[in-house]
């Protein structure tokens, strides 16, 4: 399985990885044998200090999502808010979005054929 993770820093607009939820998430995925493809606009170099080369560091959100079985968004960077869902539909193997910041509308994603799971939502 391949999981795409958008957002590595603990909050947007920073490269700070201290106590970033993405670290716990990614380490758990790796322990489960999942391949991780990650992208963050600012924290890629900082993330390498914590994760070494155990994950694939993507060049952008689409590179990170390529062939992914699921997309997880733990950090709400502005550039993640309006991706081209049609492109993502074509390049992802499965169409599951786990929205850790509830930045996406479930009905909007459903119209593109995506299943949306928001943290803390029914």
PDB file of N, CA and C in Angstrom:
ATOM      1  N   UNK A   1       0.835  -1.190   0.000  1.00  0.00           N
ATOM      2  CA  UNK A   1       0.000   0.000   0.000  1.00  0.00           C
ATOM      3  C   UNK A   1       0.876   1.250   0.000  1.00  0.00           C
ATOM      4  N   UNK A   2       0.332   2.299  -0.597  1.00  0.00           N
ATOM      5  CA  UNK A   2       1.011   3.594  -0.656  1.00  0.00           C
ATOM      6  C   UNK A   2       0.081   4.651  -0.081  1.00  0.00           C
ATOM      7  N   UNK A   3       0.604   5.452   0.831  1.00  0.00           N
ATOM      8  CA  UNK A   3      -0.169   6.552   1.404  1.00  0.00           C
ATOM      9  C   UNK A   3       0.564   7.860   1.131  1.00  0.00           C
ATOM     10  N   UNK A   4      -0.194   8.831   0.663  1.00  0.00           N
ATOM     11  CA  UNK A   4       0.328  10.169   0.439  1.00  0.00           C
ATOM     12  C   UNK A   4       0.022  11.025   1.660  1.00  0.00           C
ATOM     13  N   UNK A   5       1.021  11.765   2.130  1.00  0.00           N
ATOM     14  CA  UNK A   5       0.833  12.666   3.267  1.00  0.00           C
ATOM     15  C   UNK A   5       1.162  14.081   2.806  1.00  0.00           C
ATOM     16  N   UNK A   6       0.152  14.959   2.884  1.00  0.00           N
ATOM     17  CA  UNK A   6       0.345  16.373   2.545  1.00  0.00           C
ATOM     18  C   UNK A   6       0.463  17.156   3.835  1.00  0.00           C
ATOM     19  N   UNK A   7       1.656  17.681   4.095  1.00  0.00           N
ATOM     20  CA  UNK A   7       1.882  18.496   5.278  1.00  0.00           C
ATOM     21  C   UNK A   7       2.658  17.738   6.332  1.00  0.00           C
ATOM     22  N   UNK A   8       3.889  18.150   6.565  1.00  0.00           N
ATOM     23  CA  UNK A   8       4.745  17.486   7.542  1.00  0.00           C
ATOM     24  C   UNK A   8       4.962  18.327   8.792  1.00  0.00           C
ATOM     25  N   UNK A   9       5.045  19.638   8.639  1.00  0.00           N
ATOM     26  CA  UNK A   9       5.262  20.533   9.778  1.00  0.00           C
ATOM     27  C   UNK A   9       4.066  20.482  10.725  1.00  0.00           C
ATOM     28  N   UNK A  10       4.290  20.907  11.977  1.00  0.00           N
ATOM     29  CA  UNK A  10       3.203  20.813  12.959  1.00  0.00           C
ATOM     30  C   UNK A  10       2.104  21.836  12.705  1.00  0.00           C
ATOM     31  N   UNK A  11       2.407  22.875  11.920  1.00  0.00           N
ATOM     32  CA  UNK A  11       1.385  23.851  11.521  1.00  0.00           C
ATOM     33  C   UNK A  11       1.814  24.462  10.194  1.00  0.00           C
ATOM     34  N   UNK A  12       0.878  25.085   9.465  1.00  0.00           N
ATOM     35  CA  UNK A  12       1.241  25.686   8.184  1.00  0.00           C
ATOM     36  C   UNK A  12       2.149  26.900   8.360  1.00  0.00           C
ATOM     37  N   UNK A  13       2.807  27.250   7.263  1.00  0.00           N
ATOM     38  CA  UNK A  13       3.671  28.436   7.202  1.00  0.00           C
ATOM     39  C   UNK A  13       4.913  28.322   8.082  1.00  0.00           C
ATOM     40  N   UNK A  14       5.378  27.099   8.327  1.00  0.00           N
ATOM     41  CA  UNK A  14       6.600  26.900   9.108  1.00  0.00           C
ATOM     42  C   UNK A  14       7.276  25.602   8.669  1.00  0.00           C
ATOM     43  N   UNK A  15       8.554  25.468   9.014  1.00  0.00           N
ATOM     44  CA  UNK A  15       9.244  24.196   8.777  1.00  0.00           C
ATOM     45  C   UNK A  15       9.456  23.443  10.086  1.00  0.00           C
ATOM     46  N   UNK A  16       8.832  23.914  11.148  1.00  0.00           N
ATOM     47  CA  UNK A  16       9.015  23.338  12.485  1.00  0.00           C
ATOM     48  C   UNK A  16       8.376  21.948  12.573  1.00  0.00           C
ATOM     49  N   UNK A  17       9.183  20.959  12.872  1.00  0.00           N
ATOM     50  CA  UNK A  17       8.725  19.572  12.954  1.00  0.00           C
ATOM     51  C   UNK A  17       8.567  19.084  14.397  1.00  0.00           C
ATOM     52  N   UNK A  18       8.874  19.942  15.376  1.00  0.00           N
ATOM     53  CA  UNK A  18       8.772  19.512  16.776  1.00  0.00           C
ATOM     54  C   UNK A  18       7.335  19.102  17.086  1.00  0.00           C
ATOM     55  N   UNK A  19       7.179  17.897  17.585  1.00  0.00           N
ATOM     56  CA  UNK A  19       5.867  17.364  17.975  1.00  0.00           C
ATOM     57  C   UNK A  19       4.849  17.362  16.835  1.00  0.00           C
ATOM     58  N   UNK A  20       5.315  17.297  15.609  1.00  0.00           N
ATOM     59  CA  UNK A  20       4.404  17.278  14.461  1.00  0.00           C
ATOM     60  C   UNK A  20       3.621  15.967  14.437  1.00  0.00           C
ATOM     61  N   UNK A  21       2.295  16.029  14.323  1.00  0.00           N
ATOM     62  CA  UNK A  21       1.489  14.806  14.242  1.00  0.00           C
ATOM     63  C   UNK A  21       1.903  13.905  13.080  1.00  0.00           C
ATOM     64  N   UNK A  22       2.433  14.513  12.028  1.00  0.00           N
ATOM     65  CA  UNK A  22       2.836  13.717  10.865  1.00  0.00           C
ATOM     66  C   UNK A  22       3.918  12.703  11.214  1.00  0.00           C
ATOM     67  N   UNK A  23       4.780  13.026  12.169  1.00  0.00           N
ATOM     68  CA  UNK A  23       5.855  12.097  12.541  1.00  0.00           C
ATOM     69  C   UNK A  23       5.298  10.812  13.135  1.00  0.00           C
ATOM     70  N   UNK A  24       4.374  10.939  14.061  1.00  0.00           N
ATOM     71  CA  UNK A  24       3.744   9.759  14.663  1.00  0.00           C
ATOM     72  C   UNK A  24       2.988   8.975  13.606  1.00  0.00           C
ATOM     73  N   UNK A  25       2.253   9.684  12.781  1.00  0.00           N
ATOM     74  CA  UNK A  25       1.478   9.061  11.710  1.00  0.00           C
ATOM     75  C   UNK A  25       2.378   8.283  10.758  1.00  0.00           C
ATOM     76  N   UNK A  26       3.416   8.927  10.263  1.00  0.00           N
ATOM     77  CA  UNK A  26       4.299   8.295   9.283  1.00  0.00           C
ATOM     78  C   UNK A  26       5.039   7.109   9.894  1.00  0.00           C
ATOM     79  N   UNK A  27       5.517   7.251  11.107  1.00  0.00           N
ATOM     80  CA  UNK A  27       6.213   6.129  11.752  1.00  0.00           C
ATOM     81  C   UNK A  27       5.285   4.929  11.911  1.00  0.00           C
ATOM     82  N   UNK A  28       4.026   5.173  12.248  1.00  0.00           N
ATOM     83  CA  UNK A  28       3.045   4.077  12.363  1.00  0.00           C
ATOM     84  C   UNK A  28       2.791   3.427  11.009  1.00  0.00           C
ATOM     85  N   UNK A  29       2.678   4.240   9.975  1.00  0.00           N
ATOM     86  CA  UNK A  29       2.468   3.696   8.628  1.00  0.00           C
ATOM     87  C   UNK A  29       3.656   2.836   8.201  1.00  0.00           C
ATOM     88  N   UNK A  30       4.861   3.322   8.445  1.00  0.00           N
ATOM     89  CA  UNK A  30       6.058   2.563   8.077  1.00  0.00           C
ATOM     90  C   UNK A  30       6.130   1.239   8.837  1.00  0.00           C
ATOM     91  N   UNK A  31       5.805   1.263  10.120  1.00  0.00           N
ATOM     92  CA  UNK A  31       5.807   0.030  10.919  1.00  0.00           C
ATOM     93  C   UNK A  31       4.797  -0.977  10.390  1.00  0.00           C
ATOM     94  N   UNK A  32       3.734  -0.493   9.772  1.00  0.00           N
ATOM     95  CA  UNK A  32       2.703  -1.369   9.202  1.00  0.00           C
ATOM     96  C   UNK A  32       3.059  -1.824   7.785  1.00  0.00           C
ATOM     97  N   UNK A  33       4.223  -1.422   7.297  1.00  0.00           N
ATOM     98  CA  UNK A  33       4.664  -1.845   5.978  1.00  0.00           C
ATOM     99  C   UNK A  33       4.139  -1.005   4.832  1.00  0.00           C
ATOM    100  N   UNK A  34       3.629   0.173   5.141  1.00  0.00           N
ATOM    101  CA  UNK A  34       3.080   1.070   4.125  1.00  0.00           C
ATOM    102  C   UNK A  34       4.198   1.946   3.568  1.00  0.00           C
ATOM    103  N   UNK A  35       4.190   2.179   2.268  1.00  0.00           N
ATOM    104  CA  UNK A  35       5.101   3.139   1.650  1.00  0.00           C
ATOM    105  C   UNK A  35       4.478   4.523   1.764  1.00  0.00           C
ATOM    106  N   UNK A  36       5.301   5.516   2.096  1.00  0.00           N
ATOM    107  CA  UNK A  36       4.798   6.876   2.294  1.00  0.00           C
ATOM    108  C   UNK A  36       5.438   7.816   1.278  1.00  0.00           C
ATOM    109  N   UNK A  37       4.575   8.603   0.632  1.00  0.00           N
ATOM    110  CA  UNK A  37       4.996   9.650  -0.297  1.00  0.00           C
ATOM    111  C   UNK A  37       4.522  10.969   0.317  1.00  0.00           C
ATOM    112  N   UNK A  38       5.450  11.841   0.687  1.00  0.00           N
ATOM    113  CA  UNK A  38       5.077  13.039   1.439  1.00  0.00           C
ATOM    114  C   UNK A  38       5.506  14.318   0.744  1.00  0.00           C
ATOM    115  N   UNK A  39       4.724  15.375   1.029  1.00  0.00           N
ATOM    116  CA  UNK A  39       5.061  16.706   0.529  1.00  0.00           C
ATOM    117  C   UNK A  39       4.696  17.752   1.571  1.00  0.00           C
ATOM    118  N   UNK A  40       5.572  18.735   1.720  1.00  0.00           N
ATOM    119  CA  UNK A  40       5.319  19.904   2.560  1.00  0.00           C
ATOM    120  C   UNK A  40       6.005  21.090   1.882  1.00  0.00           C
ATOM    121  N   UNK A  41       5.327  22.231   1.777  1.00  0.00           N
ATOM    122  CA  UNK A  41       5.922  23.383   1.100  1.00  0.00           C
ATOM    123  C   UNK A  41       7.192  23.922   1.754  1.00  0.00           C
ATOM    124  N   UNK A  42       7.387  23.706   3.057  1.00  0.00           N
ATOM    125  CA  UNK A  42       8.538  24.298   3.739  1.00  0.00           C
ATOM    126  C   UNK A  42       9.376  23.323   4.555  1.00  0.00           C
ATOM    127  N   UNK A  43       8.834  22.202   4.957  1.00  0.00           N
ATOM    128  CA  UNK A  43       9.496  21.360   5.961  1.00  0.00           C
ATOM    129  C   UNK A  43      10.193  20.114   5.413  1.00  0.00           C
ATOM    130  N   UNK A  44      10.417  20.038   4.134  1.00  0.00           N
ATOM    131  CA  UNK A  44      11.012  18.818   3.575  1.00  0.00           C
ATOM    132  C   UNK A  44      12.418  18.556   4.138  1.00  0.00           C
ATOM    133  N   UNK A  45      13.267  19.562   4.161  1.00  0.00           N
ATOM    134  CA  UNK A  45      14.629  19.370   4.677  1.00  0.00           C
ATOM    135  C   UNK A  45      14.603  19.029   6.164  1.00  0.00           C
ATOM    136  N   UNK A  46      13.778  19.726   6.909  1.00  0.00           N
ATOM    137  CA  UNK A  46      13.668  19.473   8.348  1.00  0.00           C
ATOM    138  C   UNK A  46      13.140  18.057   8.607  1.00  0.00           C
ATOM    139  N   UNK A  47      12.199  17.616   7.785  1.00  0.00           N
ATOM    140  CA  UNK A  47      11.624  16.276   7.949  1.00  0.00           C
ATOM    141  C   UNK A  47      12.677  15.189   7.774  1.00  0.00           C
ATOM    142  N   UNK A  48      13.633  15.410   6.889  1.00  0.00           N
ATOM    143  CA  UNK A  48      14.697  14.417   6.663  1.00  0.00           C
ATOM    144  C   UNK A  48      15.487  14.138   7.944  1.00  0.00           C
ATOM    145  N   UNK A  49      15.592  15.126   8.812  1.00  0.00           N
ATOM    146  CA  UNK A  49      16.312  14.939  10.078  1.00  0.00           C
ATOM    147  C   UNK A  49      15.599  13.924  10.971  1.00  0.00           C
ATOM    148  N   UNK A  50      14.291  13.835  10.821  1.00  0.00           N
ATOM    149  CA  UNK A  50      13.482  12.940  11.648  1.00  0.00           C
ATOM    150  C   UNK A  50      13.189  11.604  10.962  1.00  0.00           C
ATOM    151  N   UNK A  51      13.070  11.640   9.647  1.00  0.00           N
ATOM    152  CA  UNK A  51      12.597  10.454   8.916  1.00  0.00           C
ATOM    153  C   UNK A  51      13.636   9.851   7.978  1.00  0.00           C
ATOM    154  N   UNK A  52      14.779  10.484   7.842  1.00  0.00           N
ATOM    155  CA  UNK A  52      15.832  10.007   6.946  1.00  0.00           C
ATOM    156  C   UNK A  52      15.261   9.760   5.553  1.00  0.00           C
ATOM    157  N   UNK A  53      15.687   8.672   4.951  1.00  0.00           N
ATOM    158  CA  UNK A  53      15.207   8.331   3.610  1.00  0.00           C
ATOM    159  C   UNK A  53      14.200   7.190   3.647  1.00  0.00           C
ATOM    160  N   UNK A  54      13.482   7.065   4.736  1.00  0.00           N
ATOM    161  CA  UNK A  54      12.490   5.998   4.864  1.00  0.00           C
ATOM    162  C   UNK A  54      11.211   6.300   4.095  1.00  0.00           C
ATOM    163  N   UNK A  55      11.055   7.557   3.659  1.00  0.00           N
ATOM    164  CA  UNK A  55       9.877   7.931   2.877  1.00  0.00           C
ATOM    165  C   UNK A  55      10.334   8.569   1.570  1.00  0.00           C
ATOM    166  N   UNK A  56       9.383   8.702   0.646  1.00  0.00           N
ATOM    167  CA  UNK A  56       9.651   9.403  -0.604  1.00  0.00           C
ATOM    168  C   UNK A  56       9.274  10.869  -0.400  1.00  0.00           C
ATOM    169  N   UNK A  57      10.210  11.776  -0.673  1.00  0.00           N
ATOM    170  CA  UNK A  57       9.968  13.211  -0.556  1.00  0.00           C
ATOM    171  C   UNK A  57       9.566  13.746  -1.926  1.00  0.00           C
ATOM    172  N   UNK A  58       8.304  14.066  -2.075  1.00  0.00           N
ATOM    173  CA  UNK A  58       7.742  14.461  -3.365  1.00  0.00           C
ATOM    174  C   UNK A  58       8.067  15.915  -3.704  1.00  0.00           C
ATOM    175  N   UNK A  59       7.955  16.225  -4.987  1.00  0.00           N
ATOM    176  CA  UNK A  59       8.231  17.582  -5.461  1.00  0.00           C
ATOM    177  C   UNK A  59       7.018  18.497  -5.358  1.00  0.00           C
ATOM    178  N   UNK A  60       5.823  17.909  -5.304  1.00  0.00           N
ATOM    179  CA  UNK A  60       4.588  18.688  -5.160  1.00  0.00           C
ATOM    180  C   UNK A  60       3.466  17.748  -4.727  1.00  0.00           C
ATOM    181  N   UNK A  61       2.255  18.283  -4.577  1.00  0.00           N
ATOM    182  CA  UNK A  61       1.147  17.464  -4.076  1.00  0.00           C
ATOM    183  C   UNK A  61       0.781  16.333  -5.032  1.00  0.00           C
ATOM    184  N   UNK A  62       0.924  16.576  -6.331  1.00  0.00           N
ATOM    185  CA  UNK A  62       0.547  15.547  -7.307  1.00  0.00           C
ATOM    186  C   UNK A  62       1.582  14.431  -7.356  1.00  0.00           C
ATOM    187  N   UNK A  63       2.840  14.784  -7.236  1.00  0.00           N
ATOM    188  CA  UNK A  63       3.895  13.774  -7.149  1.00  0.00           C
ATOM    189  C   UNK A  63       3.679  12.917  -5.898  1.00  0.00           C
ATOM    190  N   UNK A  64       3.302  13.550  -4.802  1.00  0.00           N
ATOM    191  CA  UNK A  64       3.045  12.806  -3.561  1.00  0.00           C
ATOM    192  C   UNK A  64       1.851  11.870  -3.699  1.00  0.00           C
ATOM    193  N   UNK A  65       0.836  12.291  -4.439  1.00  0.00           N
ATOM    194  CA  UNK A  65      -0.398  11.501  -4.563  1.00  0.00           C
ATOM    195  C   UNK A  65      -0.327  10.423  -5.637  1.00  0.00           C
ATOM    196  N   UNK A  66       0.696  10.452  -6.458  1.00  0.00           N
ATOM    197  CA  UNK A  66       0.797   9.505  -7.569  1.00  0.00           C
ATOM    198  C   UNK A  66       0.773   8.058  -7.073  1.00  0.00           C
ATOM    199  N   UNK A  67      -0.175   7.282  -7.570  1.00  0.00           N
ATOM    200  CA  UNK A  67      -0.363   5.862  -7.258  1.00  0.00           C
ATOM    201  C   UNK A  67      -0.724   5.598  -5.790  1.00  0.00           C
ATOM    202  N   UNK A  68      -1.153   6.628  -5.068  1.00  0.00           N
ATOM    203  CA  UNK A  68      -1.498   6.455  -3.652  1.00  0.00           C
ATOM    204  C   UNK A  68      -2.821   5.727  -3.485  1.00  0.00           C
ATOM    205  N   UNK A  69      -2.886   4.943  -2.428  1.00  0.00           N
ATOM    206  CA  UNK A  69      -4.124   4.257  -2.056  1.00  0.00           C
ATOM    207  C   UNK A  69      -4.974   5.121  -1.133  1.00  0.00           C
ATOM    208  N   UNK A  70      -4.343   6.114  -0.511  1.00  0.00           N
ATOM    209  CA  UNK A  70      -5.057   7.058   0.351  1.00  0.00           C
ATOM    210  C   UNK A  70      -4.238   8.333   0.450  1.00  0.00           C
ATOM    211  N   UNK A  71      -4.933   9.423   0.725  1.00  0.00           N
ATOM    212  CA  UNK A  71      -4.311  10.726   0.938  1.00  0.00           C
ATOM    213  C   UNK A  71      -4.674  11.187   2.343  1.00  0.00           C
ATOM    214  N   UNK A  72      -3.646  11.536   3.127  1.00  0.00           N
ATOM    215  CA  UNK A  72      -3.869  12.051   4.478  1.00  0.00           C
ATOM    216  C   UNK A  72      -3.343  13.482   4.534  1.00  0.00           C
ATOM    217  N   UNK A  73      -4.155  14.382   5.094  1.00  0.00           N
ATOM    218  CA  UNK A  73      -3.773  15.794   5.196  1.00  0.00           C
ATOM    219  C   UNK A  73      -3.737  16.197   6.678  1.00  0.00           C
ATOM    220  N   UNK A  74      -2.550  16.105   7.323  1.00  0.00           N
ATOM    221  CA  UNK A  74      -2.468  16.476   8.734  1.00  0.00           C
ATOM    222  C   UNK A  74      -2.173  17.959   8.988  1.00  0.00           C
ATOM    223  N   UNK A  75      -1.780  18.707   7.944  1.00  0.00           N
ATOM    224  CA  UNK A  75      -1.451  20.128   8.093  1.00  0.00           C
ATOM    225  C   UNK A  75      -2.154  20.915   6.997  1.00  0.00           C
ATOM    226  N   UNK A  76      -2.824  22.014   7.368  1.00  0.00           N
ATOM    227  CA  UNK A  76      -3.694  22.731   6.434  1.00  0.00           C
ATOM    228  C   UNK A  76      -3.016  23.894   5.700  1.00  0.00           C
ATOM    229  N   UNK A  77      -1.997  23.587   4.918  1.00  0.00           N
ATOM    230  CA  UNK A  77      -1.370  24.617   4.093  1.00  0.00           C
ATOM    231  C   UNK A  77      -2.389  25.164   3.094  1.00  0.00           C
ATOM    232  N   UNK A  78      -2.285  26.459   2.783  1.00  0.00           N
ATOM    233  CA  UNK A  78      -3.207  27.087   1.824  1.00  0.00           C
ATOM    234  C   UNK A  78      -3.188  26.377   0.478  1.00  0.00           C
ATOM    235  N   UNK A  79      -2.018  25.970   0.026  1.00  0.00           N
ATOM    236  CA  UNK A  79      -1.931  25.354  -1.301  1.00  0.00           C
ATOM    237  C   UNK A  79      -2.599  23.977  -1.376  1.00  0.00           C
ATOM    238  N   UNK A  80      -2.970  23.418  -0.238  1.00  0.00           N
ATOM    239  CA  UNK A  80      -3.680  22.135  -0.231  1.00  0.00           C
ATOM    240  C   UNK A  80      -5.192  22.313  -0.346  1.00  0.00           C
ATOM    241  N   UNK A  81      -5.679  23.523  -0.188  1.00  0.00           N
ATOM    242  CA  UNK A  81      -7.125  23.758  -0.106  1.00  0.00           C
ATOM    243  C   UNK A  81      -7.886  23.522  -1.409  1.00  0.00           C
ATOM    244  N   UNK A  82      -7.269  23.817  -2.538  1.00  0.00           N
ATOM    245  CA  UNK A  82      -7.977  23.703  -3.821  1.00  0.00           C
ATOM    246  C   UNK A  82      -7.184  22.892  -4.844  1.00  0.00           C
ATOM    247  N   UNK A  83      -6.912  21.636  -4.563  1.00  0.00           N
ATOM    248  CA  UNK A  83      -6.200  20.825  -5.557  1.00  0.00           C
ATOM    249  C   UNK A  83      -7.118  20.512  -6.733  1.00  0.00           C
ATOM    250  N   UNK A  84      -6.543  20.056  -7.798  1.00  0.00           N
ATOM    251  CA  UNK A  84      -7.330  19.628  -8.951  1.00  0.00           C
ATOM    252  C   UNK A  84      -7.745  18.176  -8.704  1.00  0.00           C
ATOM    253  N   UNK A  85      -8.984  18.001  -8.248  1.00  0.00           N
ATOM    254  CA  UNK A  85      -9.468  16.664  -7.896  1.00  0.00           C
ATOM    255  C   UNK A  85      -9.577  15.760  -9.111  1.00  0.00           C
ATOM    256  N   UNK A  86      -9.780  16.331 -10.286  1.00  0.00           N
ATOM    257  CA  UNK A  86      -9.844  15.512 -11.507  1.00  0.00           C
ATOM    258  C   UNK A  86      -8.493  14.861 -11.781  1.00  0.00           C
ATOM    259  N   UNK A  87      -7.428  15.622 -11.602  1.00  0.00           N
ATOM    260  CA  UNK A  87      -6.084  15.057 -11.778  1.00  0.00           C
ATOM    261  C   UNK A  87      -5.827  13.996 -10.713  1.00  0.00           C
ATOM    262  N   UNK A  88      -6.158  14.308  -9.474  1.00  0.00           N
ATOM    263  CA  UNK A  88      -5.935  13.344  -8.390  1.00  0.00           C
ATOM    264  C   UNK A  88      -6.707  12.054  -8.633  1.00  0.00           C
ATOM    265  N   UNK A  89      -7.901  12.167  -9.145  1.00  0.00           N
ATOM    266  CA  UNK A  89      -8.723  10.983  -9.451  1.00  0.00           C
ATOM    267  C   UNK A  89      -7.999  10.072 -10.442  1.00  0.00           C
ATOM    268  N   UNK A  90      -7.327  10.673 -11.407  1.00  0.00           N
ATOM    269  CA  UNK A  90      -6.623   9.893 -12.440  1.00  0.00           C
ATOM    270  C   UNK A  90      -5.333   9.262 -11.930  1.00  0.00           C
ATOM    271  N   UNK A  91      -4.625   9.947 -11.042  1.00  0.00           N
ATOM    272  CA  UNK A  91      -3.290   9.461 -10.660  1.00  0.00           C
ATOM    273  C   UNK A  91      -3.271   8.594  -9.405  1.00  0.00           C
ATOM    274  N   UNK A  92      -4.328   8.658  -8.599  1.00  0.00           N
ATOM    275  CA  UNK A  92      -4.364   7.838  -7.384  1.00  0.00           C
ATOM    276  C   UNK A  92      -4.953   6.459  -7.672  1.00  0.00           C
ATOM    277  N   UNK A  93      -4.452   5.441  -6.978  1.00  0.00           N
ATOM    278  CA  UNK A  93      -4.977   4.080  -7.136  1.00  0.00           C
ATOM    279  C   UNK A  93      -6.355   3.935  -6.512  1.00  0.00           C
ATOM    280  N   UNK A  94      -6.531   4.497  -5.333  1.00  0.00           N
ATOM    281  CA  UNK A  94      -7.814   4.497  -4.633  1.00  0.00           C
ATOM    282  C   UNK A  94      -8.135   5.935  -4.268  1.00  0.00           C
ATOM    283  N   UNK A  95      -9.376   6.194  -3.930  1.00  0.00           N
ATOM    284  CA  UNK A  95      -9.825   7.580  -3.804  1.00  0.00           C
ATOM    285  C   UNK A  95     -10.360   7.879  -2.412  1.00  0.00           C
ATOM    286  N   UNK A  96      -9.477   7.723  -1.435  1.00  0.00           N
ATOM    287  CA  UNK A  96      -9.801   7.976  -0.036  1.00  0.00           C
ATOM    288  C   UNK A  96      -8.995   9.171   0.453  1.00  0.00           C
ATOM    289  N   UNK A  97      -9.686  10.161   1.029  1.00  0.00           N
ATOM    290  CA  UNK A  97      -9.033  11.330   1.613  1.00  0.00           C
ATOM    291  C   UNK A  97      -9.327  11.343   3.112  1.00  0.00           C
ATOM    292  N   UNK A  98      -8.265  11.305   3.911  1.00  0.00           N
ATOM    293  CA  UNK A  98      -8.396  11.416   5.359  1.00  0.00           C
ATOM    294  C   UNK A  98      -7.962  12.836   5.713  1.00  0.00           C
ATOM    295  N   UNK A  99      -8.945  13.633   6.047  1.00  0.00           N
ATOM    296  CA  UNK A  99      -8.797  15.076   6.203  1.00  0.00           C
ATOM    297  C   UNK A  99      -8.600  15.419   7.676  1.00  0.00           C
ATOM    298  N   UNK A 100      -7.353  15.534   8.082  1.00  0.00           N
ATOM    299  CA  UNK A 100      -7.036  15.781   9.480  1.00  0.00           C
ATOM    300  C   UNK A 100      -7.356  17.177   9.970  1.00  0.00           C
ATOM    301  N   UNK A 101      -7.672  18.084   9.066  1.00  0.00           N
ATOM    302  CA  UNK A 101      -7.972  19.467   9.447  1.00  0.00           C
ATOM    303  C   UNK A 101      -9.348  19.926   8.982  1.00  0.00           C
ATOM    304  N   UNK A 102     -10.105  19.003   8.400  1.00  0.00           N
ATOM    305  CA  UNK A 102     -11.462  19.308   7.928  1.00  0.00           C
ATOM    306  C   UNK A 102     -11.496  20.536   7.021  1.00  0.00           C
ATOM    307  N   UNK A 103     -10.604  20.525   6.032  1.00  0.00           N
ATOM    308  CA  UNK A 103     -10.552  21.637   5.082  1.00  0.00           C
ATOM    309  C   UNK A 103     -11.340  21.352   3.809  1.00  0.00           C
ATOM    310  N   UNK A 104     -11.812  20.122   3.654  1.00  0.00           N
ATOM    311  CA  UNK A 104     -12.555  19.749   2.444  1.00  0.00           C
ATOM    312  C   UNK A 104     -14.011  19.465   2.755  1.00  0.00           C
ATOM    313  N   UNK A 105     -14.841  19.700   1.773  1.00  0.00           N
ATOM    314  CA  UNK A 105     -16.266  19.438   1.880  1.00  0.00           C
ATOM    315  C   UNK A 105     -16.545  18.029   1.373  1.00  0.00           C
ATOM    316  N   UNK A 106     -17.175  17.229   2.212  1.00  0.00           N
ATOM    317  CA  UNK A 106     -17.451  15.821   1.892  1.00  0.00           C
ATOM    318  C   UNK A 106     -18.224  15.683   0.580  1.00  0.00           C
ATOM    319  N   UNK A 107     -19.241  16.514   0.385  1.00  0.00           N
ATOM    320  CA  UNK A 107     -20.068  16.438  -0.828  1.00  0.00           C
ATOM    321  C   UNK A 107     -19.274  16.827  -2.073  1.00  0.00           C
ATOM    322  N   UNK A 108     -18.413  17.842  -1.950  1.00  0.00           N
ATOM    323  CA  UNK A 108     -17.578  18.240  -3.085  1.00  0.00           C
ATOM    324  C   UNK A 108     -16.675  17.088  -3.513  1.00  0.00           C
ATOM    325  N   UNK A 109     -16.040  16.445  -2.544  1.00  0.00           N
ATOM    326  CA  UNK A 109     -15.156  15.335  -2.874  1.00  0.00           C
ATOM    327  C   UNK A 109     -15.929  14.165  -3.461  1.00  0.00           C
ATOM    328  N   UNK A 110     -17.116  13.913  -2.942  1.00  0.00           N
ATOM    329  CA  UNK A 110     -17.950  12.828  -3.472  1.00  0.00           C
ATOM    330  C   UNK A 110     -18.289  13.070  -4.938  1.00  0.00           C
ATOM    331  N   UNK A 111     -18.451  14.327  -5.326  1.00  0.00           N
ATOM    332  CA  UNK A 111     -18.781  14.635  -6.724  1.00  0.00           C
ATOM    333  C   UNK A 111     -17.633  14.277  -7.666  1.00  0.00           C
ATOM    334  N   UNK A 112     -16.420  14.163  -7.130  1.00  0.00           N
ATOM    335  CA  UNK A 112     -15.260  13.739  -7.916  1.00  0.00           C
ATOM    336  C   UNK A 112     -14.959  12.251  -7.728  1.00  0.00           C
ATOM    337  N   UNK A 113     -15.781  11.574  -6.947  1.00  0.00           N
ATOM    338  CA  UNK A 113     -15.591  10.146  -6.738  1.00  0.00           C
ATOM    339  C   UNK A 113     -14.674   9.794  -5.587  1.00  0.00           C
ATOM    340  N   UNK A 114     -14.472  10.732  -4.662  1.00  0.00           N
ATOM    341  CA  UNK A 114     -13.616  10.484  -3.506  1.00  0.00           C
ATOM    342  C   UNK A 114     -14.440  10.200  -2.262  1.00  0.00           C
ATOM    343  N   UNK A 115     -13.923   9.309  -1.437  1.00  0.00           N
ATOM    344  CA  UNK A 115     -14.482   9.095  -0.108  1.00  0.00           C
ATOM    345  C   UNK A 115     -13.737  10.027   0.840  1.00  0.00           C
ATOM    346  N   UNK A 116     -14.460  10.779   1.643  1.00  0.00           N
ATOM    347  CA  UNK A 116     -13.871  11.745   2.570  1.00  0.00           C
ATOM    348  C   UNK A 116     -14.093  11.281   4.000  1.00  0.00           C
ATOM    349  N   UNK A 117     -13.014  11.250   4.756  1.00  0.00           N
ATOM    350  CA  UNK A 117     -13.115  10.959   6.186  1.00  0.00           C
ATOM    351  C   UNK A 117     -12.481  12.123   6.927  1.00  0.00           C
ATOM    352  N   UNK A 118     -13.304  12.907   7.600  1.00  0.00           N
ATOM    353  CA  UNK A 118     -12.806  14.029   8.384  1.00  0.00           C
ATOM    354  C   UNK A 118     -12.606  13.607   9.822  1.00  0.00           C
ATOM    355  N   UNK A 119     -11.542  14.061  10.417  1.00  0.00           N
ATOM    356  CA  UNK A 119     -11.266  13.736  11.811  1.00  0.00           C
ATOM    357  C   UNK A 119     -12.319  14.423  12.683  1.00  0.00           C
ATOM    358  N   UNK A 120     -12.979  13.652  13.538  1.00  0.00           N
ATOM    359  CA  UNK A 120     -13.990  14.187  14.430  1.00  0.00           C
ATOM    360  C   UNK A 120     -15.338  14.434  13.774  1.00  0.00           C
ATOM    361  N   UNK A 121     -15.503  13.975  12.527  1.00  0.00           N
ATOM    362  CA  UNK A 121     -16.779  14.133  11.820  1.00  0.00           C
ATOM    363  C   UNK A 121     -17.463  12.788  11.699  1.00  0.00           C
ATOM    364  N   UNK A 122     -18.799  12.824  11.558  1.00  0.00           N
ATOM    365  CA  UNK A 122     -19.562  11.583  11.369  1.00  0.00           C
ATOM    366  C   UNK A 122     -19.623  11.227   9.906  1.00  0.00           C
TER     367      UNK A 122
END
